[in-house]
Amino acid sequence: MKFYAWMSRLPLPRLYVFKILIISFVGVHIPMIGAVTYILLSADISLTDTLDVLAALLLATLAGTGVTMTMLYFLLAPVRRVAAALRDYLQSGRVPSLPTRYDDEVGVLLANVQETVTRLDMALDTARTQRAEAVLDHRRKFEVLAGMSHDLRTPLNHMIGFAEVMSTEALGPLGSRRYRDYASNIRSSGGDLLETLQTILDLSAEEAEIGAANGIEDAAAAPADLGAAIAQAVRLTHFHTDRFGTVVNLAGLSDDGPVVTVPDRVLKQIILHTLQAAIGTPVTASRLEVSIGETAGHAILTVISDLPWAVDDVPAELSGPEIGGRRTGTPETMRSTTQQALRLSLISSLARGVGATVSVSTAAAGARALTLTFRKTSRPTLDTSQAA
């Protein structure tokens, strides 16, 4: 390989055949010309006769070299065919038809390449089929649960409504304070259950949509302003943050902030659920730090709250090295089903559908941190001709 590497660095054409022909030319001519020159100079022959002999010798060697190089070029045809077949398979996916009946080293090379490409293509077909079946099975499972939205939420809303009427004694006294407290507890627990159920249904709907379309939407079709989406999401969560006294600090937001390749609807859902996961429930964070950073080709959204992560709140697929003071476990040893874990799973599904990534970590002083990384795109320019 050292000699080949040295030859590759020389200012020669990149054709491998040309390198072989150069070596053949040098190997044939230098010894022959050197030997004949030595004989002619040693013999008592005039300069004119010497030049005539050298000219004849040069013509003969050139003719012989031309024939040799032509034969070598055709002899190397199998190597060129192998290279062309592999390049064509990589570009178009067409399986080559190489001759495999020869038993020398080049014949073995042809047979091995043919068998390798054939096996690879069969393995790829099998993998594509299995992937299509897995996507279909994935979609069917979540479609069943997503289709139960009305059947599950309607009776639960009835229960919450009747409990509200009873706890406020809108139709008359219940006769005992305990009954009023029980109704209030039913209303509160029903509200928590409805919120958890809504998260499950949202997760199922998004997973079914991902399975059906192999992605939520065409992420490149409608770029979104990340800063504007964050500001809107903060306004939408103002009811909860203001109610519980949570202070939200925004950093890095500007009018010319990064534009990401995520549709507005999906980006809004991702950021809303991320803020809700950081705010926490039933314990609520007192401070939220929301910031935007940029790297080459990516925009990074970081949300940090002053609440620590609970181990059961982090699903296995998002588990970091240390969450909540101890290792979170693996998919085989723990299956989190808390509302927070469901919300994080929903965030992960939404992000995966648009090519974004989610990271769950612990910040300073044990604070919970969520980091989302989106692909950036150029900001759309205004067409002045259309505007006019």
Protein backbone atom coordinates (compact mmCIF):
# COMPACT_ATOMS: atom_id res chain seq x y z
CA MET A 1 0.00 0.00 0.00
CA LYS A 2 2.93 2.39 0.58
CA PHE A 3 4.02 2.21 -3.07
CA TYR A 4 0.42 2.64 -4.24
CA ALA A 5 0.00 5.65 -1.93
CA TRP A 6 3.20 7.17 -3.35
CA MET A 7 2.00 6.62 -6.91
CA SER A 8 -1.35 8.20 -6.08
CA ARG A 9 0.36 11.40 -4.95
CA LEU A 10 2.21 11.82 -8.24
CA PRO A 11 0.79 14.33 -10.77
CA LEU A 12 -0.51 11.55 -13.01
CA PRO A 13 -3.98 10.84 -14.37
CA ARG A 14 -6.22 9.20 -11.78
CA LEU A 15 -6.77 6.11 -13.92
CA TYR A 16 -5.34 3.00 -12.30
CA VAL A 17 -4.66 1.53 -15.75
CA PHE A 18 -2.43 4.49 -16.60
CA LYS A 19 -0.29 3.81 -13.54
CA ILE A 20 0.22 0.20 -14.64
CA LEU A 21 1.13 1.29 -18.17
CA ILE A 22 3.70 3.81 -16.86
CA ILE A 23 5.36 1.12 -14.76
CA SER A 24 5.39 -1.27 -17.75
CA PHE A 25 6.97 1.38 -19.99
CA VAL A 26 9.69 2.21 -17.48
CA GLY A 27 10.38 -1.45 -16.72
CA VAL A 28 10.77 -2.38 -20.39
CA HIS A 29 12.67 0.63 -21.77
CA ILE A 30 15.21 1.60 -19.15
CA PRO A 31 17.06 -1.78 -18.98
CA MET A 32 16.97 -2.30 -22.76
CA ILE A 33 18.13 1.19 -23.69
CA GLY A 34 20.83 1.12 -21.03
CA ALA A 35 22.21 -2.24 -22.20
CA VAL A 36 22.21 -1.33 -25.88
CA THR A 37 23.79 2.07 -25.20
CA TYR A 38 26.57 0.40 -23.22
CA ILE A 39 27.28 -2.07 -26.04
CA LEU A 40 27.33 0.60 -28.71
CA LEU A 41 29.62 2.88 -26.75
CA SER A 42 31.99 0.03 -25.96
CA ALA A 43 32.26 -1.13 -29.57
CA ASP A 44 34.29 0.60 -32.25
CA ILE A 45 31.35 2.05 -34.19
CA SER A 46 31.03 5.50 -35.68
CA LEU A 47 28.61 8.02 -34.17
CA THR A 48 26.39 7.95 -37.26
CA ASP A 49 25.99 4.18 -37.09
CA THR A 50 25.38 4.42 -33.34
CA LEU A 51 22.54 6.89 -33.81
CA ASP A 52 20.99 4.74 -36.51
CA VAL A 53 21.07 1.69 -34.25
CA LEU A 54 19.61 3.64 -31.33
CA ALA A 55 16.83 5.03 -33.53
CA ALA A 56 15.95 1.57 -34.81
CA LEU A 57 16.06 0.22 -31.29
CA LEU A 58 13.80 3.00 -30.04
CA LEU A 59 11.22 2.37 -32.78
CA ALA A 60 11.24 -1.35 -32.07
CA THR A 61 10.80 -0.87 -28.33
CA LEU A 62 8.05 1.69 -28.87
CA ALA A 63 6.17 -0.74 -31.09
CA GLY A 64 6.66 -3.55 -28.60
CA THR A 65 5.61 -1.31 -25.73
CA GLY A 66 2.49 -0.21 -27.61
CA VAL A 67 1.46 -3.81 -28.14
CA THR A 68 2.23 -4.64 -24.49
CA MET A 69 0.28 -1.69 -23.16
CA THR A 70 -2.69 -2.50 -25.39
CA MET A 71 -2.75 -6.08 -24.14
CA LEU A 72 -2.44 -4.91 -20.51
CA TYR A 73 -5.29 -2.45 -21.03
CA PHE A 74 -7.59 -5.20 -22.26
CA LEU A 75 -6.33 -7.55 -19.54
CA LEU A 76 -7.39 -5.03 -16.92
CA ALA A 77 -10.93 -4.83 -18.34
CA PRO A 78 -12.40 -6.96 -15.49
CA VAL A 79 -11.06 -4.50 -12.90
CA ARG A 80 -12.61 -1.58 -14.75
CA ARG A 81 -15.88 -3.45 -15.08
CA VAL A 82 -15.99 -4.20 -11.36
CA ALA A 83 -15.41 -0.53 -10.53
CA ALA A 84 -18.13 0.59 -12.97
CA ALA A 85 -20.59 -2.02 -11.65
CA LEU A 86 -20.12 -0.94 -8.04
CA ARG A 87 -20.46 2.73 -8.94
CA ASP A 88 -23.64 2.02 -10.93
CA TYR A 89 -25.13 0.02 -8.05
CA LEU A 90 -24.46 2.83 -5.58
CA GLN A 91 -26.00 5.42 -7.88
CA SER A 92 -28.98 3.57 -9.39
CA GLY A 93 -29.37 0.40 -7.32
CA ARG A 94 -29.07 -1.88 -10.35
CA VAL A 95 -27.57 -5.28 -9.56
CA PRO A 96 -24.71 -5.98 -12.03
CA SER A 97 -24.28 -9.10 -14.16
CA LEU A 98 -20.58 -9.85 -13.90
CA PRO A 99 -18.95 -12.96 -15.46
CA THR A 100 -18.25 -15.52 -12.75
CA ARG A 101 -16.98 -18.50 -14.76
CA TYR A 102 -13.24 -17.73 -14.52
CA ASP A 103 -11.10 -19.32 -11.82
CA ASP A 104 -8.01 -17.10 -11.67
CA GLU A 105 -7.60 -14.27 -9.14
CA VAL A 106 -9.48 -11.73 -11.25
CA GLY A 107 -12.22 -14.27 -11.87
CA VAL A 108 -12.50 -14.82 -8.12
CA LEU A 109 -12.74 -11.04 -7.68
CA LEU A 110 -15.59 -10.86 -10.21
CA ALA A 111 -17.44 -13.73 -8.54
CA ASN A 112 -16.98 -12.28 -5.04
CA VAL A 113 -18.21 -8.84 -6.08
CA GLN A 114 -21.22 -10.35 -7.85
CA GLU A 115 -22.14 -12.47 -4.82
CA THR A 116 -21.59 -9.59 -2.38
CA VAL A 117 -23.76 -7.16 -4.32
CA THR A 118 -26.49 -9.80 -4.77
CA ARG A 119 -26.55 -10.64 -1.06
CA LEU A 120 -26.51 -6.95 -0.14
CA ASP A 121 -29.43 -6.19 -2.43
CA MET A 122 -31.44 -9.10 -1.04
CA ALA A 123 -30.68 -7.98 2.53
CA LEU A 124 -31.78 -4.43 1.68
CA ASP A 125 -35.04 -5.72 0.20
CA THR A 126 -35.68 -7.77 3.32
CA ALA A 127 -34.90 -4.79 5.56
CA ARG A 128 -37.24 -2.53 3.56
CA THR A 129 -40.04 -5.10 3.78
CA GLN A 130 -39.57 -5.57 7.52
CA ARG A 131 -39.46 -1.82 8.04
CA ALA A 132 -42.70 -1.34 6.10
CA GLU A 133 -44.36 -4.05 8.17
CA ALA A 134 -43.09 -2.53 11.41
CA VAL A 135 -44.34 0.93 10.42
CA LEU A 136 -47.75 -0.50 9.51
CA ASP A 137 -47.98 -2.42 12.79
CA HIS A 138 -46.85 0.68 14.69
CA ARG A 139 -49.54 2.80 13.04
CA ARG A 140 -52.32 0.27 13.66
CA LYS A 141 -51.54 -0.01 17.36
CA PHE A 142 -51.69 3.72 17.96
CA GLU A 143 -54.64 4.28 15.62
CA VAL A 144 -56.78 2.08 17.88
CA LEU A 145 -56.00 4.16 20.96
CA ALA A 146 -56.20 7.48 19.10
CA GLY A 147 -59.64 6.50 17.80
CA MET A 148 -60.92 6.07 21.36
CA SER A 149 -60.56 9.79 22.14
CA HIS A 150 -64.30 10.54 22.14
CA ASP A 151 -65.25 7.35 23.98
CA LEU A 152 -62.80 8.07 26.79
CA ARG A 153 -63.07 11.82 27.23
CA THR A 154 -66.84 12.24 27.00
CA PRO A 155 -67.80 10.18 30.10
CA LEU A 156 -64.87 11.62 32.02
CA ASN A 157 -66.01 15.17 31.21
CA HIS A 158 -69.48 14.22 32.44
CA MET A 159 -68.05 12.98 35.71
CA ILE A 160 -66.03 16.16 36.18
CA GLY A 161 -69.05 18.33 35.34
CA PHE A 162 -71.37 16.54 37.77
CA ALA A 163 -68.70 16.70 40.48
CA GLU A 164 -68.39 20.45 39.87
CA VAL A 165 -72.15 20.88 40.26
CA MET A 166 -72.17 18.83 43.47
CA SER A 167 -69.13 20.52 45.04
CA THR A 168 -70.62 23.97 44.46
CA GLU A 169 -74.07 22.78 45.58
CA ALA A 170 -75.56 24.51 42.56
CA LEU A 171 -78.82 22.52 42.80
CA GLY A 172 -79.11 22.55 46.56
CA PRO A 173 -77.23 21.50 49.69
CA LEU A 174 -75.77 18.01 49.89
CA GLY A 175 -76.54 17.72 53.59
CA SER A 176 -72.98 17.08 54.75
CA ARG A 177 -69.68 18.91 54.33
CA ARG A 178 -67.95 15.61 53.67
CA TYR A 179 -70.04 15.02 50.56
CA ARG A 180 -68.99 18.42 49.24
CA ASP A 181 -65.34 17.61 49.93
CA TYR A 182 -65.71 14.23 48.22
CA ALA A 183 -67.21 15.88 45.15
CA SER A 184 -64.38 18.41 45.10
CA ASN A 185 -61.84 15.59 45.26
CA ILE A 186 -63.61 13.76 42.44
CA ARG A 187 -63.49 16.92 40.33
CA SER A 188 -59.78 17.48 41.05
CA SER A 189 -58.79 13.86 40.46
CA GLY A 190 -60.91 13.74 37.32
CA GLY A 191 -59.18 16.83 36.00
CA ASP A 192 -55.76 15.25 36.58
CA LEU A 193 -56.92 12.03 34.94
CA LEU A 194 -58.31 13.95 31.96
CA GLU A 195 -55.01 15.78 31.49
CA THR A 196 -53.07 12.52 31.62
CA LEU A 197 -55.51 10.88 29.23
CA GLN A 198 -55.23 13.82 26.83
CA THR A 199 -51.46 13.45 26.80
CA ILE A 200 -51.79 9.73 26.03
CA LEU A 201 -54.23 10.43 23.22
CA ASP A 202 -52.00 13.17 21.79
CA LEU A 203 -49.03 10.79 21.88
CA SER A 204 -51.06 8.06 20.17
CA ALA A 205 -52.32 10.43 17.48
CA GLU A 206 -48.83 11.72 16.70
CA GLU A 207 -47.33 8.21 16.65
CA ALA A 208 -50.09 7.02 14.32
CA GLU A 209 -49.48 10.01 12.05
CA ILE A 210 -45.74 9.37 12.02
CA GLY A 211 -46.35 5.75 11.09
CA ALA A 212 -48.77 6.69 8.34
CA ALA A 213 -46.65 9.34 6.67
CA ASN A 214 -43.16 8.32 7.88
CA GLY A 215 -42.88 11.81 9.32
CA ILE A 216 -45.31 14.40 10.55
CA GLU A 217 -45.05 16.87 7.69
CA ASP A 218 -42.65 18.04 5.07
CA ALA A 219 -40.31 19.88 7.41
CA ALA A 220 -38.74 21.86 4.58
CA ALA A 221 -42.08 23.10 3.25
CA ALA A 222 -42.85 25.71 5.92
CA PRO A 223 -39.86 27.08 7.85
CA ALA A 224 -40.75 28.61 11.23
CA ASP A 225 -39.21 31.39 13.30
CA LEU A 226 -38.04 29.72 16.50
CA GLY A 227 -38.01 32.92 18.55
CA ALA A 228 -41.56 33.85 17.55
CA ALA A 229 -42.79 30.34 18.31
CA ILE A 230 -41.20 30.44 21.78
CA ALA A 231 -42.74 33.83 22.55
CA GLN A 232 -46.17 32.58 21.49
CA ALA A 233 -45.81 29.39 23.57
CA VAL A 234 -44.82 31.44 26.64
CA ARG A 235 -47.94 33.56 26.19
CA LEU A 236 -50.09 30.43 25.90
CA THR A 237 -48.66 29.04 29.16
CA HIS A 238 -49.08 32.37 30.96
CA PHE A 239 -52.25 31.15 32.67
CA HIS A 240 -50.39 28.35 34.46
CA THR A 241 -47.19 30.27 35.16
CA ASP A 242 -49.05 33.31 36.50
CA ARG A 243 -51.40 31.17 38.55
CA PHE A 244 -48.57 29.34 40.30
CA GLY A 245 -46.21 32.32 40.45
CA THR A 246 -43.66 30.90 38.02
CA VAL A 247 -41.27 33.52 36.59
CA VAL A 248 -40.20 32.93 32.96
CA ASN A 249 -36.95 34.51 31.77
CA LEU A 250 -36.28 34.63 28.02
CA ALA A 251 -32.76 34.94 26.63
CA GLY A 252 -31.46 35.07 23.08
CA LEU A 253 -34.80 35.96 21.44
CA SER A 254 -34.65 38.53 18.66
CA ASP A 255 -36.54 39.58 15.55
CA ASP A 256 -33.90 38.01 13.31
CA GLY A 257 -33.52 34.78 15.26
CA PRO A 258 -32.96 31.34 13.73
CA VAL A 259 -35.46 29.88 11.29
CA VAL A 260 -35.91 26.11 11.65
CA THR A 261 -37.17 23.46 9.25
CA VAL A 262 -40.22 22.59 11.35
CA PRO A 263 -43.87 23.35 10.47
CA ASP A 264 -45.51 25.95 12.71
CA ARG A 265 -48.10 23.57 14.11
CA VAL A 266 -45.58 20.95 15.17
CA LEU A 267 -43.11 23.50 16.53
CA LYS A 268 -45.86 25.05 18.64
CA GLN A 269 -46.79 21.66 20.10
CA ILE A 270 -43.17 20.75 20.85
CA ILE A 271 -42.43 24.01 22.67
CA LEU A 272 -45.72 23.99 24.59
CA HIS A 273 -45.17 20.48 25.90
CA THR A 274 -41.55 21.29 26.69
CA LEU A 275 -42.57 24.29 28.78
CA GLN A 276 -45.22 22.22 30.57
CA ALA A 277 -42.67 19.51 31.29
CA ALA A 278 -40.33 22.11 32.77
CA ILE A 279 -43.05 23.79 34.82
CA GLY A 280 -43.93 20.47 36.43
CA THR A 281 -47.04 18.98 38.03
CA PRO A 282 -48.29 18.82 40.75
CA VAL A 283 -45.16 20.57 42.11
CA THR A 284 -44.56 23.73 40.10
CA ALA A 285 -41.27 25.42 39.29
CA SER A 286 -40.72 28.94 40.57
CA ARG A 287 -38.37 29.96 37.73
CA LEU A 288 -37.95 28.99 34.08
CA GLU A 289 -34.92 29.94 32.02
CA VAL A 290 -35.64 29.76 28.28
CA SER A 291 -32.76 30.44 25.90
CA ILE A 292 -31.81 30.02 22.24
CA GLY A 293 -28.36 29.13 20.99
CA GLU A 294 -26.99 28.51 17.51
CA THR A 295 -24.34 26.25 16.02
CA ALA A 296 -23.40 25.51 12.45
CA GLY A 297 -26.62 24.39 10.82
CA HIS A 298 -28.60 23.97 14.05
CA ALA A 299 -30.67 26.01 16.50
CA ILE A 300 -30.75 24.92 20.15
CA LEU A 301 -33.61 25.59 22.54
CA THR A 302 -32.81 25.10 26.23
CA VAL A 303 -35.41 25.19 29.03
CA ILE A 304 -34.20 24.98 32.64
CA SER A 305 -36.40 24.99 35.73
CA ASP A 306 -35.52 24.86 39.41
CA LEU A 307 -37.26 21.51 39.92
CA PRO A 308 -35.25 18.27 40.09
CA TRP A 309 -36.07 15.35 37.83
CA ALA A 310 -37.91 12.43 39.40
CA VAL A 311 -36.64 9.07 38.24
CA ASP A 312 -40.05 7.82 37.13
CA ASP A 313 -40.70 11.01 35.15
CA VAL A 314 -38.04 10.30 32.51
CA PRO A 315 -38.87 7.60 29.92
CA ALA A 316 -36.18 5.05 29.19
CA GLU A 317 -35.46 6.34 25.67
CA LEU A 318 -34.52 9.77 27.08
CA SER A 319 -32.68 8.61 30.19
CA GLY A 320 -29.38 10.35 30.80
CA PRO A 321 -26.45 9.06 32.89
CA GLU A 322 -27.86 10.50 36.11
CA ILE A 323 -31.40 11.80 36.55
CA GLY A 324 -32.89 12.49 39.93
CA GLY A 325 -29.84 11.42 41.86
CA ARG A 326 -29.62 7.84 40.55
CA ARG A 327 -29.54 5.99 37.26
CA THR A 328 -32.87 6.01 35.53
CA GLY A 329 -32.74 2.44 34.30
CA THR A 330 -33.17 0.82 30.92
CA PRO A 331 -36.17 -0.07 28.78
CA GLU A 332 -35.92 -3.63 30.08
CA THR A 333 -35.99 -2.68 33.76
CA MET A 334 -38.35 0.29 33.93
CA ARG A 335 -41.45 1.45 32.09
CA SER A 336 -42.44 4.95 33.23
CA THR A 337 -46.14 5.76 32.92
CA THR A 338 -46.38 9.02 34.87
CA GLN A 339 -47.92 12.05 33.21
CA GLN A 340 -44.50 13.69 32.96
CA ALA A 341 -43.03 10.60 31.30
CA LEU A 342 -45.90 10.52 28.81
CA ARG A 343 -45.38 14.18 28.02
CA LEU A 344 -41.65 13.64 27.43
CA SER A 345 -42.45 10.68 25.18
CA LEU A 346 -44.80 12.91 23.20
CA ILE A 347 -42.08 15.56 22.85
CA SER A 348 -39.66 12.89 21.64
CA SER A 349 -42.15 11.56 19.07
CA LEU A 350 -42.95 15.03 17.75
CA ALA A 351 -39.27 15.94 17.51
CA ARG A 352 -38.35 12.67 15.82
CA GLY A 353 -41.02 13.25 13.19
CA VAL A 354 -39.39 16.51 12.06
CA GLY A 355 -35.76 15.48 12.39
CA ALA A 356 -35.11 17.25 15.71
CA THR A 357 -33.48 15.75 18.81
CA VAL A 358 -34.38 15.94 22.50
CA SER A 359 -32.01 15.72 25.44
CA VAL A 360 -32.97 15.45 29.12
CA SER A 361 -30.29 16.37 31.65
CA THR A 362 -29.68 17.83 35.10
CA ALA A 363 -28.40 21.40 35.31
CA ALA A 364 -26.71 23.17 38.19
CA ALA A 365 -28.11 22.56 41.68
CA GLY A 366 -30.10 19.58 40.42
CA ALA A 367 -32.40 21.63 38.19
CA ARG A 368 -34.16 19.86 35.34
CA ALA A 369 -33.09 20.79 31.83
CA LEU A 370 -34.58 20.06 28.43
CA THR A 371 -32.62 20.71 25.24
CA LEU A 372 -34.07 20.55 21.74
CA THR A 373 -31.92 20.78 18.62
CA PHE A 374 -33.51 21.79 15.30
CA ARG A 375 -32.10 22.07 11.80
CA LYS A 376 -31.74 25.68 10.67
CA THR A 377 -32.70 27.03 7.27
CA SER A 378 -32.38 30.39 5.56
CA ARG A 379 -34.92 33.07 6.34
CA PRO A 380 -37.47 33.49 3.50
CA THR A 381 -36.94 36.65 1.46
CA LEU A 382 -39.75 38.93 0.34
CA ASP A 383 -40.45 38.84 -3.38
CA THR A 384 -40.61 42.58 -4.16
CA SER A 385 -42.21 41.99 -7.54
CA GLN A 386 -45.13 40.11 -5.98
CA ALA A 387 -45.36 42.59 -3.14
CA ALA A 388 -45.69 45.42 -5.62
